C-alpha atoms as a PDB file:
ATOM      1  CA  UNK A   1      -1.003  16.384  -3.467  1.00  0.00           C
ATOM      2  CA  UNK A   2      -3.092  13.932  -5.522  1.00  0.00           C
ATOM      3  CA  UNK A   3      -4.032  10.351  -4.357  1.00  0.00           C
ATOM      4  CA  UNK A   4      -4.821   7.770  -6.606  1.00  0.00           C
ATOM      5  CA  UNK A   5      -7.033   4.934  -5.436  1.00  0.00           C
ATOM      6  CA  UNK A   6      -7.103   1.580  -7.571  1.00  0.00           C
ATOM      7  CA  UNK A   7      -7.913  -2.029  -6.831  1.00  0.00           C
ATOM      8  CA  UNK A   8      -4.879  -4.210  -8.303  1.00  0.00           C
ATOM      9  CA  UNK A   9      -1.434  -3.800  -9.449  1.00  0.00           C
ATOM     10  CA  UNK A  10      -2.442  -4.398 -13.277  1.00  0.00           C
ATOM     11  CA  UNK A  11      -4.784  -1.084 -12.843  1.00  0.00           C
ATOM     12  CA  UNK A  12      -1.715   1.040 -11.480  1.00  0.00           C
ATOM     13  CA  UNK A  13       1.251  -0.205 -13.132  1.00  0.00           C
ATOM     14  CA  UNK A  14       0.844   2.234 -16.238  1.00  0.00           C
ATOM     15  CA  UNK A  15       0.145   5.137 -13.892  1.00  0.00           C
ATOM     16  CA  UNK A  16       3.176   4.193 -11.755  1.00  0.00           C
ATOM     17  CA  UNK A  17       5.201   4.016 -14.725  1.00  0.00           C
ATOM     18  CA  UNK A  18       3.867   7.222 -16.721  1.00  0.00           C
ATOM     19  CA  UNK A  19       4.196   9.728 -13.431  1.00  0.00           C
ATOM     20  CA  UNK A  20       7.938   7.712 -12.120  1.00  0.00           C
ATOM     21  CA  UNK A  21       6.558   6.695  -8.883  1.00  0.00           C
ATOM     22  CA  UNK A  22       8.626   5.112  -6.220  1.00  0.00           C
ATOM     23  CA  UNK A  23       7.439   2.684  -4.060  1.00  0.00           C
ATOM     24  CA  UNK A  24       7.449   3.175  -0.341  1.00  0.00           C
ATOM     25  CA  UNK A  25       8.557   0.269   2.178  1.00  0.00           C
ATOM     26  CA  UNK A  26       4.606  -1.988   2.547  1.00  0.00           C
ATOM     27  CA  UNK A  27       2.751  -1.043   5.547  1.00  0.00           C
ATOM     28  CA  UNK A  28      -0.847  -2.081   6.916  1.00  0.00           C
ATOM     29  CA  UNK A  29      -1.484  -4.580   4.132  1.00  0.00           C
ATOM     30  CA  UNK A  30      -1.295  -1.766   1.344  1.00  0.00           C
ATOM     31  CA  UNK A  31       1.229  -0.688  -1.212  1.00  0.00           C
ATOM     32  CA  UNK A  32       2.146   3.021  -1.393  1.00  0.00           C
ATOM     33  CA  UNK A  33       3.851   4.731  -4.818  1.00  0.00           C
ATOM     34  CA  UNK A  34       4.766   8.365  -4.740  1.00  0.00           C
ATOM     35  CA  UNK A  35       6.725  11.296  -6.104  1.00  0.00           C
ATOM     36  CA  UNK A  36       6.436  15.001  -4.667  1.00  0.00           C
ATOM     37  CA  UNK A  37       2.846  15.874  -6.247  1.00  0.00           C
ATOM     38  CA  UNK A  38       0.963  12.241  -6.750  1.00  0.00           C
ATOM     39  CA  UNK A  39       0.508   9.063  -4.693  1.00  0.00           C
ATOM     40  CA  UNK A  40      -0.938   5.479  -5.409  1.00  0.00           C
ATOM     41  CA  UNK A  41      -2.230   2.964  -2.868  1.00  0.00           C
ATOM     42  CA  UNK A  42      -3.213  -0.334  -4.610  1.00  0.00           C
ATOM     43  CA  UNK A  43      -5.835  -1.762  -1.957  1.00  0.00           C
ATOM     44  CA  UNK A  44      -7.623  -4.746  -3.029  1.00  0.00           C
ATOM     45  CA  UNK A  45     -11.017  -5.635  -4.400  1.00  0.00           C
ATOM     46  CA  UNK A  46     -13.960  -4.605  -2.430  1.00  0.00           C
ATOM     47  CA  UNK A  47     -15.414  -1.272  -1.323  1.00  0.00           C
ATOM     48  CA  UNK A  48     -13.775  -2.107   2.187  1.00  0.00           C
ATOM     49  CA  UNK A  49     -10.620  -2.215   1.098  1.00  0.00           C
ATOM     50  CA  UNK A  50     -10.870   0.729  -0.751  1.00  0.00           C
ATOM     51  CA  UNK A  51     -12.170   2.734   2.123  1.00  0.00           C
ATOM     52  CA  UNK A  52      -9.648   1.567   4.433  1.00  0.00           C
ATOM     53  CA  UNK A  53      -6.829   2.046   1.831  1.00  0.00           C
ATOM     54  CA  UNK A  54      -8.292   5.576   1.842  1.00  0.00           C
ATOM     55  CA  UNK A  55      -7.674   6.523   5.439  1.00  0.00           C
ATOM     56  CA  UNK A  56      -4.505   4.965   5.738  1.00  0.00           C
ATOM     57  CA  UNK A  57      -3.009   6.946   2.201  1.00  0.00           C
ATOM     58  CA  UNK A  58      -4.692   9.783   4.510  1.00  0.00           C
ATOM     59  CA  UNK A  59      -2.412   9.197   7.700  1.00  0.00           C
ATOM     60  CA  UNK A  60       0.860   8.038   5.988  1.00  0.00           C
ATOM     61  CA  UNK A  61       0.820  11.286   3.829  1.00  0.00           C
ATOM     62  CA  UNK A  62       0.733  13.592   6.604  1.00  0.00           C
ATOM     63  CA  UNK A  63      -3.203  13.694   7.384  1.00  0.00           C
ATOM     64  CA  UNK A  64      -3.593  16.635   5.314  1.00  0.00           C
ATOM     65  CA  UNK A  65      -7.229  17.475   4.755  1.00  0.00           C
ATOM     66  CA  UNK A  66      -8.694  18.676   1.447  1.00  0.00           C
ATOM     67  CA  UNK A  67      -6.384  16.948  -0.955  1.00  0.00           C
ATOM     68  CA  UNK A  68      -7.365  15.323  -4.217  1.00  0.00           C
ATOM     69  CA  UNK A  69      -8.570  11.946  -4.605  1.00  0.00           C
ATOM     70  CA  UNK A  70      -9.206   9.752  -7.493  1.00  0.00           C
ATOM     71  CA  UNK A  71     -10.245   6.349  -7.301  1.00  0.00           C
ATOM     72  CA  UNK A  72      -9.328   4.705 -11.274  1.00  0.00           C
ATOM     73  CA  UNK A  73     -10.492   1.088 -12.113  1.00  0.00           C
ATOM     74  CA  UNK A  74     -11.660  -0.923 -14.473  1.00  0.00           C
ATOM     75  CA  UNK A  75     -15.685  -1.767 -14.832  1.00  0.00           C
ATOM     76  CA  UNK A  76     -18.747  -3.510 -16.342  1.00  0.00           C
ATOM     77  CA  UNK A  77     -21.372  -2.026 -18.462  1.00  0.00           C
ATOM     78  CA  UNK A  78     -24.321  -3.498 -20.663  1.00  0.00           C
ATOM     79  CA  UNK A  79     -23.158  -1.893 -24.165  1.00  0.00           C
ATOM     80  CA  UNK A  80     -20.321   0.455 -23.629  1.00  0.00           C
ATOM     81  CA  UNK A  81     -17.467  -0.058 -25.643  1.00  0.00           C
ATOM     82  CA  UNK A  82     -14.686  -1.498 -24.263  1.00  0.00           C
ATOM     83  CA  UNK A  83     -12.159   0.841 -23.704  1.00  0.00           C
ATOM     84  CA  UNK A  84     -14.229   3.800 -22.807  1.00  0.00           C
ATOM     85  CA  UNK A  85     -13.725   6.332 -20.508  1.00  0.00           C
ATOM     86  CA  UNK A  86     -16.384   7.547 -17.845  1.00  0.00           C
ATOM     87  CA  UNK A  87     -16.525  10.103 -15.013  1.00  0.00           C
ATOM     88  CA  UNK A  88     -18.787   8.824 -12.339  1.00  0.00           C
ATOM     89  CA  UNK A  89     -21.349  11.430 -11.783  1.00  0.00           C
ATOM     90  CA  UNK A  90     -23.408   9.190  -9.265  1.00  0.00           C
ATOM     91  CA  UNK A  91     -22.455   6.415  -6.732  1.00  0.00           C
ATOM     92  CA  UNK A  92     -25.171   3.735  -5.848  1.00  0.00           C
ATOM     93  CA  UNK A  93     -24.211   1.377  -2.982  1.00  0.00           C
ATOM     94  CA  UNK A  94     -26.216  -1.361  -3.821  1.00  0.00           C
ATOM     95  CA  UNK A  95     -25.959  -3.301  -0.311  1.00  0.00           C
ATOM     96  CA  UNK A  96     -26.588  -0.163   1.394  1.00  0.00           C
ATOM     97  CA  UNK A  97     -28.755   1.847  -0.872  1.00  0.00           C
ATOM     98  CA  UNK A  98     -27.108   4.575  -0.425  1.00  0.00           C
ATOM     99  CA  UNK A  99     -26.317   7.235  -3.086  1.00  0.00           C
ATOM    100  CA  UNK A 100     -23.803  10.035  -3.037  1.00  0.00           C
ATOM    101  CA  UNK A 101     -23.043  12.474  -6.014  1.00  0.00           C
ATOM    102  CA  UNK A 102     -19.756  14.049  -6.951  1.00  0.00           C
ATOM    103  CA  UNK A 103     -19.596  17.634  -7.634  1.00  0.00           C
ATOM    104  CA  UNK A 104     -17.885  19.036 -10.761  1.00  0.00           C
ATOM    105  CA  UNK A 105     -16.748  22.545 -11.245  1.00  0.00           C
ATOM    106  CA  UNK A 106     -17.350  22.382 -15.256  1.00  0.00           C
ATOM    107  CA  UNK A 107     -18.536  20.358 -17.965  1.00  0.00           C
ATOM    108  CA  UNK A 108     -15.879  18.105 -18.922  1.00  0.00           C
ATOM    109  CA  UNK A 109     -15.327  15.988 -22.165  1.00  0.00           C
ATOM    110  CA  UNK A 110     -15.602  12.667 -20.455  1.00  0.00           C
ATOM    111  CA  UNK A 111     -18.688  10.803 -21.003  1.00  0.00           C
ATOM    112  CA  UNK A 112     -20.678  10.789 -17.530  1.00  0.00           C
ATOM    113  CA  UNK A 113     -22.538   7.497 -16.299  1.00  0.00           C
ATOM    114  CA  UNK A 114     -23.535   6.699 -12.952  1.00  0.00           C
ATOM    115  CA  UNK A 115     -21.965   3.244 -11.021  1.00  0.00           C
ATOM    116  CA  UNK A 116     -23.260   0.981  -9.088  1.00  0.00           C
ATOM    117  CA  UNK A 117     -21.169  -0.748  -6.503  1.00  0.00           C
ATOM    118  CA  UNK A 118     -21.543  -4.203  -5.461  1.00  0.00           C
ATOM    119  CA  UNK A 119     -19.534  -6.519  -2.673  1.00  0.00           C
ATOM    120  CA  UNK A 120     -18.918  -9.077  -5.502  1.00  0.00           C
ATOM    121  CA  UNK A 121     -18.227  -9.652  -9.089  1.00  0.00           C
ATOM    122  CA  UNK A 122     -21.717  -8.897 -10.676  1.00  0.00           C
ATOM    123  CA  UNK A 123     -22.247  -9.698 -14.441  1.00  0.00           C
ATOM    124  CA  UNK A 124     -25.885  -8.598 -14.758  1.00  0.00           C
ATOM    125  CA  UNK A 125     -25.266  -6.167 -17.120  1.00  0.00           C
ATOM    126  CA  UNK A 126     -27.545  -2.506 -16.718  1.00  0.00           C
ATOM    127  CA  UNK A 127     -27.105   1.193 -18.182  1.00  0.00           C
ATOM    128  CA  UNK A 128     -25.302   1.669 -14.966  1.00  0.00           C
ATOM    129  CA  UNK A 129     -21.506   0.765 -14.554  1.00  0.00           C
ATOM    130  CA  UNK A 130     -20.924  -1.861 -12.183  1.00  0.00           C
ATOM    131  CA  UNK A 131     -17.639  -1.777  -9.895  1.00  0.00           C
ATOM    132  CA  UNK A 132     -16.782  -3.393  -6.253  1.00  0.00           C
ATOM    133  CA  UNK A 133     -14.388  -0.029  -4.723  1.00  0.00           C
ATOM    134  CA  UNK A 134     -16.465   3.377  -6.052  1.00  0.00           C
ATOM    135  CA  UNK A 135     -18.962   3.641  -3.073  1.00  0.00           C
ATOM    136  CA  UNK A 136     -16.413   2.596  -0.241  1.00  0.00           C
ATOM    137  CA  UNK A 137     -13.591   5.104  -1.772  1.00  0.00           C
ATOM    138  CA  UNK A 138     -15.782   7.899  -1.775  1.00  0.00           C
ATOM    139  CA  UNK A 139     -17.322   7.511   1.634  1.00  0.00           C
ATOM    140  CA  UNK A 140     -14.363   7.151   2.927  1.00  0.00           C
ATOM    141  CA  UNK A 141     -12.275   9.964   1.006  1.00  0.00           C
ATOM    142  CA  UNK A 142     -15.616  12.529   1.379  1.00  0.00           C
ATOM    143  CA  UNK A 143     -14.298  12.489   5.441  1.00  0.00           C
ATOM    144  CA  UNK A 144     -10.722  14.029   4.600  1.00  0.00           C
ATOM    145  CA  UNK A 145     -11.853  16.351   1.678  1.00  0.00           C
ATOM    146  CA  UNK A 146     -14.477  17.976  -0.315  1.00  0.00           C
ATOM    147  CA  UNK A 147     -16.171  16.722  -2.868  1.00  0.00           C
ATOM    148  CA  UNK A 148     -15.219  19.130  -5.619  1.00  0.00           C
ATOM    149  CA  UNK A 149     -11.730  17.193  -5.632  1.00  0.00           C
ATOM    150  CA  UNK A 150     -12.903  13.565  -5.069  1.00  0.00           C
ATOM    151  CA  UNK A 151     -14.099  11.972  -8.061  1.00  0.00           C
ATOM    152  CA  UNK A 152     -14.204   8.362  -9.714  1.00  0.00           C
ATOM    153  CA  UNK A 153     -12.784   7.571 -13.348  1.00  0.00           C
ATOM    154  CA  UNK A 154     -14.145   4.302 -14.659  1.00  0.00           C
ATOM    155  CA  UNK A 155     -12.687   2.460 -18.097  1.00  0.00           C
ATOM    156  CA  UNK A 156     -14.957  -0.339 -19.029  1.00  0.00           C
ATOM    157  CA  UNK A 157     -13.589  -3.942 -19.473  1.00  0.00           C
ATOM    158  CA  UNK A 158     -16.563  -5.716 -20.205  1.00  0.00           C
ATOM    159  CA  UNK A 159     -20.095  -5.535 -21.674  1.00  0.00           C
ATOM    160  CA  UNK A 160     -22.654  -8.049 -22.517  1.00  0.00           C
ATOM    161  CA  UNK A 161     -20.977  -9.199 -25.374  1.00  0.00           C
ATOM    162  CA  UNK A 162     -17.347  -9.680 -24.310  1.00  0.00           C
ATOM    163  CA  UNK A 163     -14.427  -8.572 -22.023  1.00  0.00           C
ATOM    164  CA  UNK A 164     -11.227  -8.638 -21.292  1.00  0.00           C
ATOM    165  CA  UNK A 165      -9.120 -10.982 -19.846  1.00  0.00           C
ATOM    166  CA  UNK A 166      -8.574  -9.734 -16.250  1.00  0.00           C
ATOM    167  CA  UNK A 167      -5.256 -11.731 -16.197  1.00  0.00           C
ATOM    168  CA  UNK A 168      -3.869 -10.306 -18.942  1.00  0.00           C
ATOM    169  CA  UNK A 169      -1.920  -7.280 -17.057  1.00  0.00           C
ATOM    170  CA  UNK A 170      -0.609  -6.330 -20.773  1.00  0.00           C
ATOM    171  CA  UNK A 171      -4.499  -6.067 -22.454  1.00  0.00           C
ATOM    172  CA  UNK A 172      -5.130  -3.692 -19.267  1.00  0.00           C
ATOM    173  CA  UNK A 173      -2.134  -1.754 -19.392  1.00  0.00           C
ATOM    174  CA  UNK A 174      -3.087  -0.640 -23.230  1.00  0.00           C
ATOM    175  CA  UNK A 175      -6.624   0.395 -22.328  1.00  0.00           C
ATOM    176  CA  UNK A 176      -4.941   2.380 -19.518  1.00  0.00           C
ATOM    177  CA  UNK A 177      -2.282   3.802 -22.307  1.00  0.00           C
ATOM    178  CA  UNK A 178      -5.051   4.268 -24.659  1.00  0.00           C
ATOM    179  CA  UNK A 179      -6.896   7.303 -21.661  1.00  0.00           C
ATOM    180  CA  UNK A 180      -3.800   8.178 -19.901  1.00  0.00           C
ATOM    181  CA  UNK A 181      -3.794  11.638 -21.883  1.00  0.00           C
ATOM    182  CA  UNK A 182      -7.186  12.564 -20.991  1.00  0.00           C
ATOM    183  CA  UNK A 183      -6.843  10.989 -17.467  1.00  0.00           C
ATOM    184  CA  UNK A 184      -3.932  13.360 -16.604  1.00  0.00           C
ATOM    185  CA  UNK A 185      -5.633  16.122 -18.124  1.00  0.00           C
ATOM    186  CA  UNK A 186      -8.832  15.958 -15.852  1.00  0.00           C
ATOM    187  CA  UNK A 187      -6.454  15.563 -12.486  1.00  0.00           C
ATOM    188  CA  UNK A 188      -4.469  18.869 -14.002  1.00  0.00           C
ATOM    189  CA  UNK A 189      -7.978  20.278 -14.251  1.00  0.00           C
ATOM    190  CA  UNK A 190      -8.365  19.288 -10.556  1.00  0.00           C
ATOM    191  CA  UNK A 191      -5.454  20.031  -8.965  1.00  0.00           C
ATOM    192  CA  UNK A 192      -5.691  24.177 -10.638  1.00  0.00           C
ATOM    193  CA  UNK A 193      -9.026  24.215  -8.192  1.00  0.00           C
ATOM    194  CA  UNK A 194      -7.159  22.530  -5.590  1.00  0.00           C
ATOM    195  CA  UNK A 195      -4.327  25.255  -5.788  1.00  0.00           C
ATOM    196  CA  UNK A 196      -6.890  27.921  -5.699  1.00  0.00           C
ATOM    197  CA  UNK A 197      -9.084  26.671  -3.187  1.00  0.00           C
ATOM    198  CA  UNK A 198      -6.768  24.676  -0.224  1.00  0.00           C
ATOM    199  CA  UNK A 199      -3.323  25.004  -0.857  1.00  0.00           C
ATOM    200  CA  UNK A 200      -2.661  27.823   1.297  1.00  0.00           C
ATOM    201  CA  UNK A 201      -4.749  26.456   3.886  1.00  0.00           C
ATOM    202  CA  UNK A 202      -2.430  22.468   3.519  1.00  0.00           C
ATOM    203  CA  UNK A 203       0.655  24.868   3.814  1.00  0.00           C
ATOM    204  CA  UNK A 204      -0.382  26.992   6.622  1.00  0.00           C
ATOM    205  CA  UNK A 205      -1.177  23.617   8.675  1.00  0.00           C
ATOM    206  CA  UNK A 206       2.258  21.954   8.202  1.00  0.00           C
ATOM    207  CA  UNK A 207       3.230  25.320   8.936  1.00  0.00           C
ATOM    208  CA  UNK A 208       1.606  25.564  12.215  1.00  0.00           C
ATOM    209  CA  UNK A 209       2.668  21.538  13.260  1.00  0.00           C
ATOM    210  CA  UNK A 210       6.481  22.026  12.828  1.00  0.00           C
ATOM    211  CA  UNK A 211       6.060  25.326  15.033  1.00  0.00           C
ATOM    212  CA  UNK A 212       4.717  23.689  18.090  1.00  0.00           C
ATOM    213  CA  UNK A 213       5.698  20.231  17.375  1.00  0.00           C
ATOM    214  CA  UNK A 214       8.224  20.927  20.710  1.00  0.00           C
ATOM    215  CA  UNK A 215       5.420  22.552  22.675  1.00  0.00           C
ATOM    216  CA  UNK A 216       3.888  20.643  26.178  1.00  0.00           C
ATOM    217  CA  UNK A 217      -0.160  21.273  25.882  1.00  0.00           C
ATOM    218  CA  UNK A 218      -3.164  19.811  26.885  1.00  0.00           C
ATOM    219  CA  UNK A 219      -5.763  18.725  24.421  1.00  0.00           C
ATOM    220  CA  UNK A 220      -8.131  22.106  24.788  1.00  0.00           C
ATOM    221  CA  UNK A 221      -4.839  23.892  24.693  1.00  0.00           C
ATOM    222  CA  UNK A 222      -3.476  22.172  21.755  1.00  0.00           C
ATOM    223  CA  UNK A 223      -6.893  23.073  19.902  1.00  0.00           C
ATOM    224  CA  UNK A 224      -6.563  26.279  20.504  1.00  0.00           C
ATOM    225  CA  UNK A 225      -3.523  26.771  20.076  1.00  0.00           C
ATOM    226  CA  UNK A 226      -3.986  25.689  16.435  1.00  0.00           C
ATOM    227  CA  UNK A 227      -6.863  27.603  15.995  1.00  0.00           C
ATOM    228  CA  UNK A 228      -5.192  30.737  17.184  1.00  0.00           C
ATOM    229  CA  UNK A 229      -2.301  30.779  14.762  1.00  0.00           C
ATOM    230  CA  UNK A 230      -4.558  29.736  11.585  1.00  0.00           C
ATOM    231  CA  UNK A 231      -6.200  32.828  12.069  1.00  0.00           C
ATOM    232  CA  UNK A 232      -2.498  34.390  12.736  1.00  0.00           C
ATOM    233  CA  UNK A 233      -1.215  33.079   9.271  1.00  0.00           C
ATOM    234  CA  UNK A 234      -4.512  33.914   7.381  1.00  0.00           C
ATOM    235  CA  UNK A 235      -4.458  37.754   8.093  1.00  0.00           C
ATOM    236  CA  UNK A 236      -1.334  37.406   6.549  1.00  0.00           C
ATOM    237  CA  UNK A 237       1.007  37.733   9.281  1.00  0.00           C
ATOM    238  CA  UNK A 238       4.771  36.383   8.335  1.00  0.00           C
ATOM    239  CA  UNK A 239       6.977  35.662  10.439  1.00  0.00           C
ATOM    240  CA  UNK A 240       6.892  32.719  13.034  1.00  0.00           C
ATOM    241  CA  UNK A 241       5.478  33.686  16.462  1.00  0.00           C
ATOM    242  CA  UNK A 242       5.863  30.904  19.093  1.00  0.00           C
ATOM    243  CA  UNK A 243       8.498  31.087  21.362  1.00  0.00           C
ATOM    244  CA  UNK A 244       9.786  27.665  22.055  1.00  0.00           C
ATOM    245  CA  UNK A 245      11.244  29.087  25.573  1.00  0.00           C
ATOM    246  CA  UNK A 246       7.915  30.373  26.941  1.00  0.00           C
ATOM    247  CA  UNK A 247       4.994  28.376  27.824  1.00  0.00           C
ATOM    248  CA  UNK A 248       1.890  27.277  25.572  1.00  0.00           C
ATOM    249  CA  UNK A 249      -0.168  29.520  28.049  1.00  0.00           C
ATOM    250  CA  UNK A 250       2.135  32.506  27.662  1.00  0.00           C
ATOM    251  CA  UNK A 251       2.335  31.819  23.685  1.00  0.00           C
ATOM    252  CA  UNK A 252      -1.589  31.713  23.335  1.00  0.00           C
ATOM    253  CA  UNK A 253      -1.736  35.310  25.466  1.00  0.00           C
ATOM    254  CA  UNK A 254       1.128  37.161  22.795  1.00  0.00           C
ATOM    255  CA  UNK A 255      -1.179  35.685  19.763  1.00  0.00           C
ATOM    256  CA  UNK A 256      -4.380  37.113  21.472  1.00  0.00           C
ATOM    257  CA  UNK A 257      -2.533  39.918  22.204  1.00  0.00           C
ATOM    258  CA  UNK A 258      -1.473  40.319  18.746  1.00  0.00           C
ATOM    259  CA  UNK A 259      -4.451  39.643  17.173  1.00  0.00           C
ATOM    260  CA  UNK A 260      -6.539  42.025  19.670  1.00  0.00           C
ATOM    261  CA  UNK A 261      -8.595  39.067  20.398  1.00  0.00           C
END
């Protein structure tokens, strides 16, 4: 699944409309929208909210590892033209002085710049993008996925010469509309990587959890059972193996026997 993390409703409206996402009943202070392939979470401003939004999204959507995470939002820059789409190639947290580097599988035709993440609005423009969410987003998403499929896309909203009206939802929608096709192309390309590398493992994880949901087991038995079933299904055994009328220990013994362990 592809998870979009955005700070404000005005930054999310165009994406929700274009992808025909439906709202989930609000929970944990966040607004969630989704369809079968995408979700979008509106976190509120700030890196802490962004980090929490990622964590709540992860658990809201079945706790599956290695999904795609995309942070989209507005950012300032010293001289970049308003409406310019930028792919972030380095995130620097101004307060903690920590840096993180996204990993790109190929050279995308989107301008790349680094981004400095602040805890409050910053209008001392530099040649780095400035925002308030990227570091919280990335450090949190990296706990649930890998750098190849975690990315920040920023649209320049202000520079030292001019800025948009941040209260004008229509203006924000227009600059998102201008860049939507390019955003979707980038996301689809990342999805191709995900399908090649991670989709099988997510399907196996869902299958395992369904198969063992009615069994009673200790923590250590559960870990052993999941690891054995992962080996079993990655070895291309097609049939379900768990017998619900047998104990967890008997099922573990059966799987080990089949796998010759």
